[in-house]
Amino acid sequence: MDSLSDKLLEKKYNTCSNWLKAHLAVSFTKEGLEPFVCDEIQQFQLKCLDDICSKNGLSHRTLCSECSTENHVKCRTKGICVIKKGQCNYHRNASLQFISTCPNRICHHFKCEIKTAHWYECPSFKNTDATQWCSNYWEVAKCFMPPDGYKDKASAADTDFNGIISVILNYKGFQDKIDESLQDDTSVFKAAREAVNKLRHSNLEVEDSYLQELLIILQKLLSDSKYLAQDTHAQQASEHLKQLKIDTLTISNDYLRKAHEQYERVKLDEEKRKQEDLLNGDENDGHDNIDNNNDNNYAPIARAGDETQTAPIPPKFEEELIQWYIKNKLSLQLSMTDDSVDTKFEDLYVKQELSDHRTGKLETSLKDLFTSEGKVSLDIFLCSIVGAGNTTFAKYLTRLWCQSHGQGSDHNDNFQEEDLNALRDIDFVFLLNLTDSSSKCDTEDMIYDQIIQNLPCNSSDGKSFLKQVLKKKRCLIILDESDRWEHPQKCTKSFQGIPHRYASENIIVVTIARQRKLVNINDSQINKEIEINRLGNKSKKQLQINALKGIAEKKNETVTEEELKNQQEAFQSEISAYNLDELASVPLILMHLVCLWHDNCFKVLSECQVYGKIIEMILSTTQKNFQYFQTNDFKQLQASGYKELLDGLGNLASHSFKGGKTIARSVVNKFLKEEQAKLCLISGILSESNGKICSEQNNPEIYFTFENIRKHFRQRLQKSE
């Protein structure tokens, strides 16, 4: 390895001199920031300890030095655990296994505090020693550094600029002492990190333009008006940068010695990181893969070869994708008539029960869902009655992926560890709503239009790196609302009922629709057909409680657990009295009933009127969501309160009580117009046993989906007569 002095004596002395100035500038800036960072992190450490003791009734400054980091990191955590032959290299013995609670009631709370304080809720626990969290604040600081290369850094002085600046960028507390937004991509702190990372790979050759740009960035950083502009250490560093810029700073032998040490350290660190990357590459690319030994007869998705490591995928792609999902796609509606009234996914969701449509077998876990007879099911079709929660399940898969990759709340009863493990083996999830891509027919184009172009990491080569992702990474593509998508006529490829996509062993596609008959898809295109079962009593009760709590919060009402229990029991009593238990097993209808009950509608409406409210909600929701029903005729029908349609359904129900529950298409056509029948079938008020919707083919039979709605329409007709 060439020495620094040899390099400085070469003909390219000027660029090497620039390198020396650049590294001195970085060193001065780091030294200027160290007291600022140390003080802030130490205050955070002390506040965590005080808060934990206060909230849990512990004596002041109760400490713990017993728990290792491994004890508080779940096995198969992405980026930490590597599974080989059924063994985790991180939780490698009995004393290092995960425990849910610290024996001193400190460390598991401390972990949560650290996670909450991290901008992206993904601390680098791989770096830190939890046995020292209570005694050494720098072990806490390392949780906010990059995940590799900092485990052995015992102090700020031992830590390089990248580690120091990462603490500032990742710990939320610094925002209170910095004027500009640390989350803004134009932040000078982010610009400094990028500029210094570029210097690390300069091989001692730095151009004048880069040096000047670096000095400007670092001086701007040290001059932040909120705190650093008045900080003695930061301003001393800033003064050194000014002297460097105008060549008035005397570079002593001591400076040269430090620069030489820095040069050697950079080279050694680079070699160390390369070795770590190679080691991780040998061990399944460093991912927390599901055991490839197949001890559980589960065949994980096949992984592409070594070239996945060289795919030009932005380093923050996963992080930005998760944040975008959580912010934009993962809320659930509280009101079925007002789209603006929603809540956080985990505050409302209850576990859904799935079953195989062909065999009737329950799918008890996502492992069961994604596999069949030990093989991965690459094409899964999910179809359930309207309102059963198809879109909710799509969001559940996406939310679970976010959680399994280190983003989200620490614990949720609906997020079972077995399901989290299944999603940890998926590199990326792409949740698509096909109604937002009505003019597209390629899945890749849809992913780019709906997702990639909305991410900060997107650039001119966004489509190029997306191709690499789809070719080389394990992906789950969810095609929601596929029954509202039609193949564009302009497509020159073969027409089919689902969008075109890569035929890859690395991609699972879940296609979701309200009715199979609305999607032109053959049995040969499906590995597994799944349906969501109606809610059981336990799930119904929990959804009622979640909904009542969510509505109360929206109205700024404070309710205790006991009051919620009493409200749920009162609600259940009234829906039973109104003969609504069957309908209440459908989440969409149950949510609407909760809203009606909370608004005291049950006190002023008759049983017939409540049923009318439910049917109107179902019809109007369907009409709003399907372009087919946006004509003037349908708008007039809606304006009339669907009177003509409801009268026709009354006659149809009356006929069914005379001639049997199933009704021939010819009879349906007698009482309903073709478009009205289609609205009833798509909305789920009516169902079809075989054949195509609105077609005489295969002699289809029609029936009322809900027996109580059939009875309601007959009673409505009798009263009108």
Foldseek 3Di string as FASTA:
>chain_A
DDFLVVVCPDPLVVQLVLLLLLVLLQVLLLQLCAVVLVVLLVVLLQVLQQVQCVVVVHPRLDAALQAWLLQADAAQAWLAWFADPNATPQCHDDSSHHDCADPSRRQNSVLVSLLVQFPLSFFLSLQATSSCSSPQSVSSLNRQADNPDRNPQRGSVSDGSRSSLSSCLTGNVNVVQFDDDSPDPPDLSVVLNVLVVVSLPCVSGHDPVSSVVNLVSSLVVCCGPRHSVPRPSSVVSNVVSVCSVVVNDDCDVVSVVVSSVVNVVSVVSVVVVVVVQVVCLVRVRSTSADYCNCPVLAHFQDFDDSCLVVQPDPPCVVSQLLVCCQVPPAWAALALVDRVHIGGLLLQDDAFWKAFPVPRHTQPEVSSVQDDSSAGWQFEEEAEAPQQQLSSVLSVLSVLLSVLNRGDDPDGPNNDPRRSNNSSNAPEEQEFECVVVQVAQAPLVRSCVVGVVPTPPDDPCSSVSSVSCQAGGQYEYEYEALLQHADHPPDPDDGAQHGDYDPDSRYHYYYYHHDPLSTRHDPVSGPTYMYTDFADPVRLLSNLLSSVVSVCVVVVHDDDPVRSVVVSVVLVVLCVVLVNPVVSSRNSLVSNSSVCVVVVVSVVDDSLVSLLVSVLSLLVSLLVVHPVNPDPVNVVCNVVSVVLLLLLLLVVLVVCVVPHQKAWPVSSVVRDPLVSQQSCDRSNQKHWDDDHRSDPPPRIIIGGNDPVSSVSSPVVNVVVD
